[in-house]
Structures are given as structure tokens and as C-alpha cells.
N, C-alpha and C. Protein backbone atom coordinates (compact mmCIF):
# COMPACT_ATOMS: atom_id res chain seq x y z
N UNK A 1 0.85 -1.17 0.00
CA UNK A 1 0.00 0.00 0.00
C UNK A 1 0.90 1.24 0.00
N UNK A 2 0.53 2.21 -0.81
CA UNK A 2 1.30 3.44 -0.93
C UNK A 2 0.40 4.63 -0.62
N UNK A 3 0.83 5.44 0.35
CA UNK A 3 0.15 6.69 0.67
C UNK A 3 0.97 7.81 0.06
N UNK A 4 0.33 8.70 -0.71
CA UNK A 4 1.03 9.83 -1.31
C UNK A 4 0.42 11.14 -0.80
N UNK A 5 1.29 12.05 -0.40
CA UNK A 5 0.88 13.30 0.23
C UNK A 5 1.41 14.48 -0.58
N UNK A 6 0.51 15.37 -0.99
CA UNK A 6 0.89 16.54 -1.79
C UNK A 6 1.59 17.60 -0.96
N UNK A 7 2.19 18.55 -1.65
CA UNK A 7 2.77 19.72 -1.01
C UNK A 7 1.75 20.84 -0.91
N UNK A 8 2.13 21.93 -0.25
CA UNK A 8 1.24 23.08 -0.11
C UNK A 8 0.77 23.55 -1.49
N UNK A 9 -0.53 23.69 -1.62
CA UNK A 9 -1.11 24.14 -2.88
C UNK A 9 -1.39 23.01 -3.85
N UNK A 10 -0.94 21.81 -3.55
CA UNK A 10 -1.25 20.66 -4.40
C UNK A 10 -2.60 20.07 -4.01
N UNK A 11 -2.88 18.93 -4.57
CA UNK A 11 -4.10 18.22 -4.21
C UNK A 11 -3.84 16.72 -4.32
N UNK A 12 -4.88 15.95 -4.15
CA UNK A 12 -4.75 14.50 -4.13
C UNK A 12 -4.26 13.92 -5.45
N UNK A 13 -4.26 14.70 -6.50
CA UNK A 13 -3.78 14.22 -7.80
C UNK A 13 -2.29 14.47 -8.03
N UNK A 14 -1.66 15.28 -7.20
CA UNK A 14 -0.28 15.71 -7.44
C UNK A 14 0.68 14.55 -7.63
N UNK A 15 0.58 13.51 -6.81
CA UNK A 15 1.53 12.40 -6.90
C UNK A 15 0.86 11.05 -7.17
N UNK A 16 -0.43 11.07 -7.45
CA UNK A 16 -1.14 9.81 -7.67
C UNK A 16 -0.56 9.04 -8.85
N UNK A 17 -0.40 9.69 -9.99
CA UNK A 17 0.15 9.00 -11.17
C UNK A 17 1.59 8.57 -10.95
N UNK A 18 2.36 9.39 -10.26
CA UNK A 18 3.75 9.03 -9.95
C UNK A 18 3.76 7.78 -9.06
N UNK A 19 2.87 7.75 -8.08
CA UNK A 19 2.76 6.57 -7.22
C UNK A 19 2.40 5.33 -8.01
N UNK A 20 1.48 5.46 -8.93
CA UNK A 20 1.06 4.33 -9.77
C UNK A 20 2.23 3.85 -10.63
N UNK A 21 3.03 4.79 -11.12
CA UNK A 21 4.21 4.46 -11.91
C UNK A 21 5.24 3.72 -11.05
N UNK A 22 5.42 4.17 -9.81
CA UNK A 22 6.40 3.57 -8.92
C UNK A 22 6.01 2.16 -8.48
N UNK A 23 4.77 2.02 -8.08
CA UNK A 23 4.28 0.73 -7.56
C UNK A 23 2.95 0.39 -8.23
N UNK A 24 3.00 -0.10 -9.46
CA UNK A 24 1.77 -0.32 -10.23
C UNK A 24 0.78 -1.31 -9.60
N UNK A 25 1.28 -2.21 -8.78
CA UNK A 25 0.40 -3.20 -8.17
C UNK A 25 -0.15 -2.77 -6.81
N UNK A 26 0.35 -1.66 -6.29
CA UNK A 26 -0.03 -1.23 -4.94
C UNK A 26 -1.37 -0.51 -4.94
N UNK A 27 -2.08 -0.66 -3.85
CA UNK A 27 -3.22 0.21 -3.61
C UNK A 27 -2.67 1.57 -3.23
N UNK A 28 -3.23 2.63 -3.81
CA UNK A 28 -2.73 3.98 -3.55
C UNK A 28 -3.81 4.79 -2.85
N UNK A 29 -3.42 5.43 -1.77
CA UNK A 29 -4.30 6.33 -1.03
C UNK A 29 -3.67 7.70 -1.08
N UNK A 30 -4.44 8.68 -1.51
CA UNK A 30 -3.92 10.02 -1.70
C UNK A 30 -4.83 11.04 -1.02
N UNK A 31 -4.59 11.31 0.26
CA UNK A 31 -5.45 12.27 0.97
C UNK A 31 -5.20 13.70 0.50
N UNK A 32 -6.20 14.52 0.71
CA UNK A 32 -6.09 15.95 0.38
C UNK A 32 -6.07 16.72 1.69
N UNK A 33 -5.09 17.59 1.84
CA UNK A 33 -5.03 18.43 3.03
C UNK A 33 -6.28 19.28 3.15
N UNK A 34 -6.81 19.39 4.37
CA UNK A 34 -8.07 20.12 4.56
C UNK A 34 -7.88 21.46 5.26
N UNK A 35 -6.65 21.96 5.27
CA UNK A 35 -6.37 23.30 5.78
C UNK A 35 -6.12 24.20 4.58
N UNK A 36 -6.75 25.37 4.57
CA UNK A 36 -6.54 26.32 3.49
C UNK A 36 -5.67 27.47 3.99
N UNK A 37 -4.57 27.68 3.30
CA UNK A 37 -3.71 28.81 3.60
C UNK A 37 -3.75 29.73 2.38
N UNK A 38 -4.58 30.77 2.46
CA UNK A 38 -4.77 31.69 1.34
C UNK A 38 -5.19 30.91 0.09
N UNK A 39 -6.03 29.90 0.27
CA UNK A 39 -6.53 29.11 -0.86
C UNK A 39 -5.68 27.90 -1.22
N UNK A 40 -4.53 27.75 -0.60
CA UNK A 40 -3.64 26.62 -0.89
C UNK A 40 -3.88 25.51 0.14
N UNK A 41 -4.14 24.30 -0.36
CA UNK A 41 -4.39 23.16 0.53
C UNK A 41 -3.12 22.74 1.25
N UNK A 42 -3.27 22.47 2.56
CA UNK A 42 -2.18 22.01 3.41
C UNK A 42 -2.73 20.95 4.35
N UNK A 43 -1.82 20.24 5.03
CA UNK A 43 -2.24 19.22 5.99
C UNK A 43 -2.34 19.74 7.42
N UNK A 44 -1.72 20.88 7.72
CA UNK A 44 -1.82 21.49 9.05
C UNK A 44 -1.47 22.96 8.94
N UNK A 45 -1.87 23.71 9.97
CA UNK A 45 -1.64 25.16 9.97
C UNK A 45 -0.22 25.50 10.40
N UNK A 46 0.20 26.65 9.96
CA UNK A 46 1.44 27.23 10.46
C UNK A 46 1.16 28.70 10.74
N UNK A 47 1.99 29.29 11.59
CA UNK A 47 1.79 30.69 11.94
C UNK A 47 2.53 31.61 10.98
N UNK A 48 3.60 31.08 10.39
CA UNK A 48 4.33 31.76 9.32
C UNK A 48 5.27 30.71 8.72
N UNK A 49 5.99 31.08 7.67
CA UNK A 49 6.90 30.15 6.99
C UNK A 49 7.86 29.52 8.00
N UNK A 50 7.84 28.20 8.07
CA UNK A 50 8.76 27.47 8.94
C UNK A 50 8.37 27.41 10.40
N UNK A 51 7.24 28.02 10.77
CA UNK A 51 6.79 28.00 12.17
C UNK A 51 5.40 27.35 12.21
N UNK A 52 5.35 26.19 12.83
CA UNK A 52 4.12 25.41 12.84
C UNK A 52 3.24 25.74 14.03
N UNK A 53 1.94 25.63 13.82
CA UNK A 53 0.98 25.66 14.91
C UNK A 53 1.02 24.25 15.49
N UNK A 54 1.80 24.06 16.54
CA UNK A 54 2.08 22.71 17.05
C UNK A 54 0.83 22.02 17.59
N UNK A 55 -0.11 22.77 18.15
CA UNK A 55 -1.36 22.15 18.61
C UNK A 55 -2.16 21.63 17.43
N UNK A 56 -2.22 22.42 16.37
CA UNK A 56 -2.93 21.98 15.17
C UNK A 56 -2.23 20.78 14.53
N UNK A 57 -0.90 20.82 14.49
CA UNK A 57 -0.15 19.70 13.94
C UNK A 57 -0.45 18.42 14.72
N UNK A 58 -0.47 18.51 16.05
CA UNK A 58 -0.75 17.33 16.88
C UNK A 58 -2.15 16.79 16.60
N UNK A 59 -3.14 17.67 16.53
CA UNK A 59 -4.51 17.23 16.30
C UNK A 59 -4.67 16.61 14.91
N UNK A 60 -4.07 17.24 13.91
CA UNK A 60 -4.19 16.73 12.54
C UNK A 60 -3.36 15.47 12.33
N UNK A 61 -2.25 15.35 13.05
CA UNK A 61 -1.46 14.11 12.99
C UNK A 61 -2.27 12.95 13.55
N UNK A 62 -2.95 13.19 14.66
CA UNK A 62 -3.78 12.15 15.27
C UNK A 62 -4.90 11.73 14.32
N UNK A 63 -5.55 12.71 13.70
CA UNK A 63 -6.62 12.39 12.74
C UNK A 63 -6.07 11.64 11.54
N UNK A 64 -4.91 12.05 11.03
CA UNK A 64 -4.32 11.37 9.87
C UNK A 64 -3.93 9.95 10.25
N UNK A 65 -3.39 9.75 11.44
CA UNK A 65 -3.02 8.40 11.88
C UNK A 65 -4.25 7.49 11.90
N UNK A 66 -5.38 8.00 12.36
CA UNK A 66 -6.62 7.20 12.37
C UNK A 66 -7.05 6.88 10.94
N UNK A 67 -6.93 7.85 10.04
CA UNK A 67 -7.27 7.66 8.63
C UNK A 67 -6.39 6.55 8.02
N UNK A 68 -5.09 6.63 8.28
CA UNK A 68 -4.14 5.64 7.75
C UNK A 68 -4.45 4.26 8.34
N UNK A 69 -4.65 4.20 9.65
CA UNK A 69 -4.96 2.93 10.31
C UNK A 69 -6.21 2.30 9.72
N UNK A 70 -7.24 3.09 9.46
CA UNK A 70 -8.48 2.55 8.90
C UNK A 70 -8.22 1.94 7.52
N UNK A 71 -7.43 2.60 6.69
CA UNK A 71 -7.11 2.06 5.37
C UNK A 71 -6.27 0.79 5.48
N UNK A 72 -5.33 0.79 6.39
CA UNK A 72 -4.50 -0.41 6.58
C UNK A 72 -5.32 -1.58 7.11
N UNK A 73 -6.21 -1.30 8.05
CA UNK A 73 -7.04 -2.37 8.61
C UNK A 73 -7.93 -2.99 7.54
N UNK A 74 -8.41 -2.17 6.63
CA UNK A 74 -9.28 -2.67 5.56
C UNK A 74 -8.48 -3.45 4.52
N UNK A 75 -7.34 -2.92 4.09
CA UNK A 75 -6.57 -3.52 2.99
C UNK A 75 -5.63 -4.63 3.46
N UNK A 76 -5.18 -4.55 4.71
CA UNK A 76 -4.22 -5.52 5.27
C UNK A 76 -3.00 -5.72 4.36
N UNK A 77 -2.30 -4.63 4.04
CA UNK A 77 -1.14 -4.72 3.14
C UNK A 77 0.04 -5.41 3.83
N UNK A 78 0.90 -6.02 3.02
CA UNK A 78 2.10 -6.63 3.58
C UNK A 78 3.14 -5.57 3.92
N UNK A 79 3.07 -4.42 3.26
CA UNK A 79 4.01 -3.33 3.51
C UNK A 79 3.30 -2.01 3.22
N UNK A 80 3.64 -0.99 3.99
CA UNK A 80 3.04 0.33 3.79
C UNK A 80 4.16 1.35 3.59
N UNK A 81 4.08 2.04 2.46
CA UNK A 81 5.07 3.04 2.08
C UNK A 81 4.37 4.40 1.99
N UNK A 82 5.04 5.44 2.45
CA UNK A 82 4.52 6.80 2.33
C UNK A 82 5.47 7.62 1.47
N UNK A 83 4.90 8.50 0.67
CA UNK A 83 5.68 9.41 -0.18
C UNK A 83 5.03 10.78 -0.08
N UNK A 84 5.83 11.79 0.22
CA UNK A 84 5.27 13.13 0.31
C UNK A 84 6.29 14.20 0.02
N UNK A 85 5.77 15.34 -0.38
CA UNK A 85 6.60 16.49 -0.74
C UNK A 85 6.26 17.66 0.18
N UNK A 86 7.26 18.30 0.73
CA UNK A 86 7.14 19.53 1.49
C UNK A 86 6.13 19.35 2.62
N UNK A 87 5.00 20.04 2.60
CA UNK A 87 4.01 19.91 3.66
C UNK A 87 3.53 18.47 3.82
N UNK A 88 3.42 17.74 2.71
CA UNK A 88 3.04 16.34 2.78
C UNK A 88 4.12 15.50 3.44
N UNK A 89 5.39 15.79 3.16
CA UNK A 89 6.49 15.09 3.82
C UNK A 89 6.50 15.40 5.31
N UNK A 90 6.14 16.64 5.66
CA UNK A 90 6.09 17.02 7.07
C UNK A 90 5.01 16.25 7.81
N UNK A 91 3.86 16.05 7.15
CA UNK A 91 2.79 15.26 7.77
C UNK A 91 3.24 13.82 7.95
N UNK A 92 3.89 13.26 6.95
CA UNK A 92 4.40 11.88 7.07
C UNK A 92 5.37 11.80 8.24
N UNK A 93 6.30 12.75 8.33
CA UNK A 93 7.28 12.74 9.42
C UNK A 93 6.58 12.80 10.77
N UNK A 94 5.56 13.64 10.89
CA UNK A 94 4.85 13.77 12.16
C UNK A 94 4.13 12.47 12.51
N UNK A 95 3.52 11.83 11.53
CA UNK A 95 2.87 10.54 11.77
C UNK A 95 3.91 9.50 12.18
N UNK A 96 5.04 9.47 11.48
CA UNK A 96 6.10 8.51 11.83
C UNK A 96 6.56 8.69 13.27
N UNK A 97 6.69 9.92 13.70
CA UNK A 97 7.19 10.20 15.04
C UNK A 97 6.18 9.82 16.12
N UNK A 98 4.89 9.91 15.80
CA UNK A 98 3.88 9.60 16.81
C UNK A 98 3.35 8.17 16.72
N UNK A 99 3.32 7.62 15.52
CA UNK A 99 2.78 6.28 15.30
C UNK A 99 3.69 5.52 14.33
N UNK A 100 4.88 5.15 14.76
CA UNK A 100 5.87 4.56 13.85
C UNK A 100 5.43 3.24 13.21
N UNK A 101 4.46 2.57 13.79
CA UNK A 101 4.02 1.30 13.23
C UNK A 101 3.20 1.46 11.94
N UNK A 102 2.79 2.67 11.62
CA UNK A 102 1.91 2.85 10.46
C UNK A 102 2.62 2.77 9.13
N UNK A 103 3.89 3.18 9.06
CA UNK A 103 4.64 3.12 7.80
C UNK A 103 5.87 2.25 7.97
N UNK A 104 6.13 1.41 6.98
CA UNK A 104 7.36 0.62 6.96
C UNK A 104 8.50 1.42 6.34
N UNK A 105 8.14 2.23 5.35
CA UNK A 105 9.14 3.00 4.61
C UNK A 105 8.54 4.35 4.23
N UNK A 106 9.42 5.34 4.07
CA UNK A 106 8.94 6.67 3.74
C UNK A 106 9.90 7.36 2.78
N UNK A 107 9.31 8.08 1.83
CA UNK A 107 10.05 8.96 0.93
C UNK A 107 9.63 10.38 1.31
N UNK A 108 10.58 11.14 1.81
CA UNK A 108 10.32 12.49 2.29
C UNK A 108 11.07 13.48 1.40
N UNK A 109 10.33 14.15 0.53
CA UNK A 109 10.92 15.13 -0.36
C UNK A 109 10.82 16.51 0.29
N UNK A 110 11.96 17.07 0.61
CA UNK A 110 12.05 18.41 1.19
C UNK A 110 11.25 18.54 2.49
N UNK A 111 11.49 17.65 3.45
CA UNK A 111 10.78 17.77 4.72
C UNK A 111 11.37 18.89 5.58
N UNK A 112 10.55 19.42 6.46
CA UNK A 112 11.01 20.42 7.43
C UNK A 112 10.47 20.03 8.80
N UNK A 113 11.35 19.61 9.68
CA UNK A 113 10.99 19.27 11.05
C UNK A 113 11.73 20.28 11.94
N UNK A 114 11.07 21.43 12.21
CA UNK A 114 11.76 22.51 12.91
C UNK A 114 11.69 22.41 14.44
N UNK A 115 11.55 21.21 14.95
CA UNK A 115 11.58 20.99 16.39
C UNK A 115 12.48 19.78 16.65
N UNK A 116 12.83 19.57 17.90
CA UNK A 116 13.66 18.43 18.26
C UNK A 116 12.75 17.30 18.73
N UNK A 117 12.60 16.26 17.91
CA UNK A 117 11.71 15.16 18.30
C UNK A 117 12.29 14.36 19.47
N UNK A 118 11.38 13.83 20.25
CA UNK A 118 11.76 12.91 21.33
C UNK A 118 12.26 11.62 20.70
N UNK A 119 13.08 10.84 21.39
CA UNK A 119 13.48 9.54 20.87
C UNK A 119 12.25 8.68 20.58
N UNK A 120 12.33 7.89 19.50
CA UNK A 120 11.22 7.03 19.10
C UNK A 120 11.78 5.67 18.72
N UNK A 121 11.83 4.77 19.69
CA UNK A 121 12.40 3.45 19.47
C UNK A 121 11.62 2.64 18.44
N UNK A 122 10.35 2.95 18.25
CA UNK A 122 9.52 2.23 17.28
C UNK A 122 9.95 2.43 15.84
N UNK A 123 10.84 3.38 15.60
CA UNK A 123 11.31 3.62 14.23
C UNK A 123 12.41 2.66 13.80
N UNK A 124 13.02 1.98 14.75
CA UNK A 124 14.14 1.08 14.44
C UNK A 124 13.71 0.04 13.41
N UNK A 125 14.56 -0.14 12.39
CA UNK A 125 14.30 -1.12 11.35
C UNK A 125 13.51 -0.59 10.16
N UNK A 126 13.02 0.63 10.24
CA UNK A 126 12.30 1.24 9.11
C UNK A 126 13.32 1.74 8.09
N UNK A 127 12.81 2.11 6.90
CA UNK A 127 13.65 2.70 5.85
C UNK A 127 13.09 4.06 5.47
N UNK A 128 13.98 5.00 5.17
CA UNK A 128 13.55 6.32 4.74
C UNK A 128 14.52 6.87 3.70
N UNK A 129 13.95 7.58 2.75
CA UNK A 129 14.71 8.35 1.78
C UNK A 129 14.31 9.81 1.96
N UNK A 130 15.29 10.66 2.16
CA UNK A 130 15.06 12.10 2.22
C UNK A 130 15.74 12.72 1.01
N UNK A 131 15.00 13.55 0.28
CA UNK A 131 15.59 14.29 -0.83
C UNK A 131 15.47 15.78 -0.51
N UNK A 132 16.48 16.55 -0.94
CA UNK A 132 16.51 17.95 -0.55
C UNK A 132 17.43 18.75 -1.46
N UNK A 133 17.22 20.07 -1.43
CA UNK A 133 18.06 20.98 -2.19
C UNK A 133 19.03 21.71 -1.28
N UNK A 134 20.27 21.79 -1.70
CA UNK A 134 21.29 22.47 -0.89
C UNK A 134 21.03 23.97 -0.76
N UNK A 135 20.22 24.54 -1.68
CA UNK A 135 19.91 25.97 -1.63
C UNK A 135 18.45 26.22 -1.24
N UNK A 136 17.82 25.25 -0.60
CA UNK A 136 16.41 25.35 -0.23
C UNK A 136 16.26 26.35 0.92
N UNK A 137 15.55 27.44 0.66
CA UNK A 137 15.33 28.44 1.70
C UNK A 137 14.09 28.13 2.54
N UNK A 138 13.21 27.25 2.04
CA UNK A 138 12.02 26.85 2.79
C UNK A 138 12.37 25.76 3.80
N UNK A 139 13.17 24.82 3.37
CA UNK A 139 13.64 23.72 4.24
C UNK A 139 15.15 23.83 4.32
N UNK A 140 15.66 24.61 5.26
CA UNK A 140 17.11 24.84 5.34
C UNK A 140 17.89 23.52 5.45
N UNK A 141 18.97 23.40 4.69
CA UNK A 141 19.75 22.17 4.69
C UNK A 141 20.19 21.70 6.07
N UNK A 142 20.50 22.62 6.97
CA UNK A 142 20.93 22.21 8.30
C UNK A 142 19.82 21.45 9.02
N UNK A 143 18.56 21.87 8.83
CA UNK A 143 17.45 21.16 9.47
C UNK A 143 17.17 19.82 8.79
N UNK A 144 17.38 19.77 7.48
CA UNK A 144 17.24 18.49 6.76
C UNK A 144 18.27 17.50 7.29
N UNK A 145 19.51 17.94 7.40
CA UNK A 145 20.57 17.06 7.90
C UNK A 145 20.30 16.64 9.35
N UNK A 146 19.82 17.57 10.16
CA UNK A 146 19.51 17.26 11.55
C UNK A 146 18.44 16.19 11.64
N UNK A 147 17.40 16.28 10.80
CA UNK A 147 16.34 15.27 10.82
C UNK A 147 16.87 13.92 10.32
N UNK A 148 17.68 13.93 9.28
CA UNK A 148 18.27 12.68 8.79
C UNK A 148 19.12 12.04 9.89
N UNK A 149 19.91 12.84 10.59
CA UNK A 149 20.73 12.32 11.69
C UNK A 149 19.85 11.75 12.79
N UNK A 150 18.76 12.42 13.09
CA UNK A 150 17.82 11.92 14.10
C UNK A 150 17.29 10.54 13.70
N UNK A 151 16.85 10.40 12.44
CA UNK A 151 16.33 9.11 11.99
C UNK A 151 17.38 8.01 12.12
N UNK A 152 18.60 8.32 11.72
CA UNK A 152 19.69 7.35 11.83
C UNK A 152 19.89 6.94 13.29
N UNK A 153 19.86 7.92 14.19
CA UNK A 153 20.01 7.62 15.62
C UNK A 153 18.89 6.73 16.14
N UNK A 154 17.72 6.78 15.51
CA UNK A 154 16.59 5.96 15.93
C UNK A 154 16.63 4.56 15.30
N UNK A 155 17.63 4.30 14.47
CA UNK A 155 17.75 2.99 13.84
C UNK A 155 17.07 2.87 12.50
N UNK A 156 16.75 4.01 11.88
CA UNK A 156 16.12 4.01 10.55
C UNK A 156 17.24 3.94 9.51
N UNK A 157 17.11 3.01 8.57
CA UNK A 157 18.03 2.96 7.43
C UNK A 157 17.69 4.16 6.55
N UNK A 158 18.53 5.18 6.60
CA UNK A 158 18.21 6.47 6.00
C UNK A 158 19.17 6.82 4.88
N UNK A 159 18.60 7.15 3.72
CA UNK A 159 19.37 7.68 2.60
C UNK A 159 19.01 9.15 2.46
N UNK A 160 20.01 9.99 2.29
CA UNK A 160 19.81 11.43 2.09
C UNK A 160 20.42 11.79 0.76
N UNK A 161 19.59 12.28 -0.15
CA UNK A 161 20.03 12.63 -1.50
C UNK A 161 19.83 14.14 -1.70
N UNK A 162 20.92 14.82 -2.00
CA UNK A 162 20.90 16.27 -2.21
C UNK A 162 20.95 16.59 -3.70
N UNK A 163 20.36 17.73 -4.06
CA UNK A 163 20.62 18.31 -5.38
C UNK A 163 21.08 19.74 -5.16
N UNK A 164 21.57 20.37 -6.20
CA UNK A 164 22.20 21.69 -6.05
C UNK A 164 21.21 22.84 -6.06
N UNK A 165 19.93 22.55 -6.21
CA UNK A 165 18.93 23.60 -6.30
C UNK A 165 18.26 23.92 -4.98
N UNK A 166 17.01 24.41 -5.10
CA UNK A 166 16.24 24.84 -3.94
C UNK A 166 15.12 23.89 -3.58
N UNK A 167 13.91 24.42 -3.50
CA UNK A 167 12.76 23.65 -3.01
C UNK A 167 12.05 22.86 -4.11
N UNK A 168 12.50 23.02 -5.34
CA UNK A 168 11.87 22.30 -6.45
C UNK A 168 12.31 20.84 -6.50
N UNK A 169 11.47 20.02 -7.10
CA UNK A 169 11.81 18.60 -7.29
C UNK A 169 12.62 18.50 -8.58
N UNK A 170 13.78 17.88 -8.49
CA UNK A 170 14.63 17.73 -9.66
C UNK A 170 14.69 16.26 -10.09
N UNK A 171 15.13 16.04 -11.32
CA UNK A 171 15.17 14.69 -11.88
C UNK A 171 16.02 13.74 -11.06
N UNK A 172 17.09 14.24 -10.46
CA UNK A 172 17.94 13.38 -9.63
C UNK A 172 17.15 12.81 -8.44
N UNK A 173 16.20 13.58 -7.92
CA UNK A 173 15.34 13.09 -6.84
C UNK A 173 14.44 11.98 -7.33
N UNK A 174 13.85 12.19 -8.50
CA UNK A 174 12.96 11.18 -9.08
C UNK A 174 13.73 9.88 -9.26
N UNK A 175 14.95 9.97 -9.77
CA UNK A 175 15.77 8.76 -9.97
C UNK A 175 16.07 8.09 -8.63
N UNK A 176 16.38 8.87 -7.60
CA UNK A 176 16.65 8.31 -6.28
C UNK A 176 15.41 7.63 -5.70
N UNK A 177 14.26 8.23 -5.92
CA UNK A 177 13.00 7.65 -5.44
C UNK A 177 12.73 6.33 -6.15
N UNK A 178 12.95 6.31 -7.45
CA UNK A 178 12.74 5.07 -8.20
C UNK A 178 13.66 3.96 -7.69
N UNK A 179 14.93 4.29 -7.42
CA UNK A 179 15.87 3.29 -6.88
C UNK A 179 15.41 2.80 -5.51
N UNK A 180 15.00 3.71 -4.66
CA UNK A 180 14.55 3.37 -3.31
C UNK A 180 13.34 2.44 -3.36
N UNK A 181 12.38 2.79 -4.21
CA UNK A 181 11.15 1.99 -4.30
C UNK A 181 11.45 0.63 -4.92
N UNK A 182 12.33 0.57 -5.91
CA UNK A 182 12.72 -0.75 -6.48
C UNK A 182 13.31 -1.64 -5.38
N UNK A 183 14.11 -1.07 -4.52
CA UNK A 183 14.67 -1.83 -3.39
C UNK A 183 13.56 -2.30 -2.45
N UNK A 184 12.51 -1.48 -2.31
CA UNK A 184 11.36 -1.85 -1.49
C UNK A 184 10.70 -3.09 -2.05
N UNK A 185 10.48 -3.09 -3.33
CA UNK A 185 9.79 -4.20 -3.99
C UNK A 185 10.62 -5.46 -3.91
N UNK A 186 11.93 -5.34 -3.99
CA UNK A 186 12.81 -6.50 -3.99
C UNK A 186 13.01 -7.10 -2.61
N UNK A 187 12.68 -6.37 -1.55
CA UNK A 187 12.89 -6.88 -0.18
C UNK A 187 11.80 -7.84 0.22
């Protein structure tokens, strides 16, 4: 089963076809963020760029975890993979930190975790791919590296792939995602 999460201003269609291309046999679930920020769909509120409304994030993470659990209980997949970009990657990260049993593997494109997460032993043995831009002003590279280091410390097999640009998705990321997902299928 593959869950795909759009970025700010995207919708449930943003990564659906990409998900189908990556895992053609998988059931795909593509939620749409229900927070509007000046008309742009998001998964949780923020007070300004890079500053999250932590109470809203906690409430929406809990609701998303219930949504994911319901889909997993119905489908009973052998493996659950999440893929998300920017705000969608942030929601995946928040779910992973609170309910690590929900995802076996995650692809986080340009995530921003601007807080210090508590240790989460339930993450041990999971796999994650983080992709990011070295010139990303929305997701500063130091915070990307800090989150990757955190995942490694929790026992997550973590790959971090950089490109020389900013917050945009580049072809090198797509290639890294394809390699990561192929390894998922082969395991």
C-alpha cells in the first residue's frame, strides 16, 4: 500500500500517477489536506513560513493516523510506504514520530521538522529516503541534515540525497525515489 501526500497548494492528484508508476500493483491512497492557507491546501496550519501551529499539527497528525490505520485495517497490506513532498512530507514525518508502526518505509521530499523530536524506538528497522536541495530556503539544509541524523540515531536505514537547487523537485530526486522503491519491492 502506498500513501502519497501533496505539497502546499497541491491536491490528491499531485503524486497519484507518480505513485502508480512507482508501484503499479499497490493500492494507492492520496489524501487531500483540509487546511486552506490563502486558498492553498495544506495538511496542518502554520503561523508563518517554517513556524508550525504545534497544537494543530498534533490534532491533525492524530486524525491522519486514524485515517491511515483505517485504510491499513481494511486492505491488510504486507508493507506500507509513504511518499510526500514539502508539507506532505512534514505530515508523514509527524505521523512517523507519533505512530511509527503505520509506515514501513517513507520517501520524504524536502521535509522540514523545525523541532527536536523525542526519541522514538519504534522507528528502528524502518527505511527512509530524504531528498533535498542544498539551496532550499524553505527547508534549510541544516534542518534536513539534523532530521536525517535523528532518523539514523533511531535505527532508521536512512538515505539522504541532495541536489544543487532549492525547493523544487529535480530529476535526480525522481531517480533516487525510483531506486529506493525498487529496493522496497525486492525486499
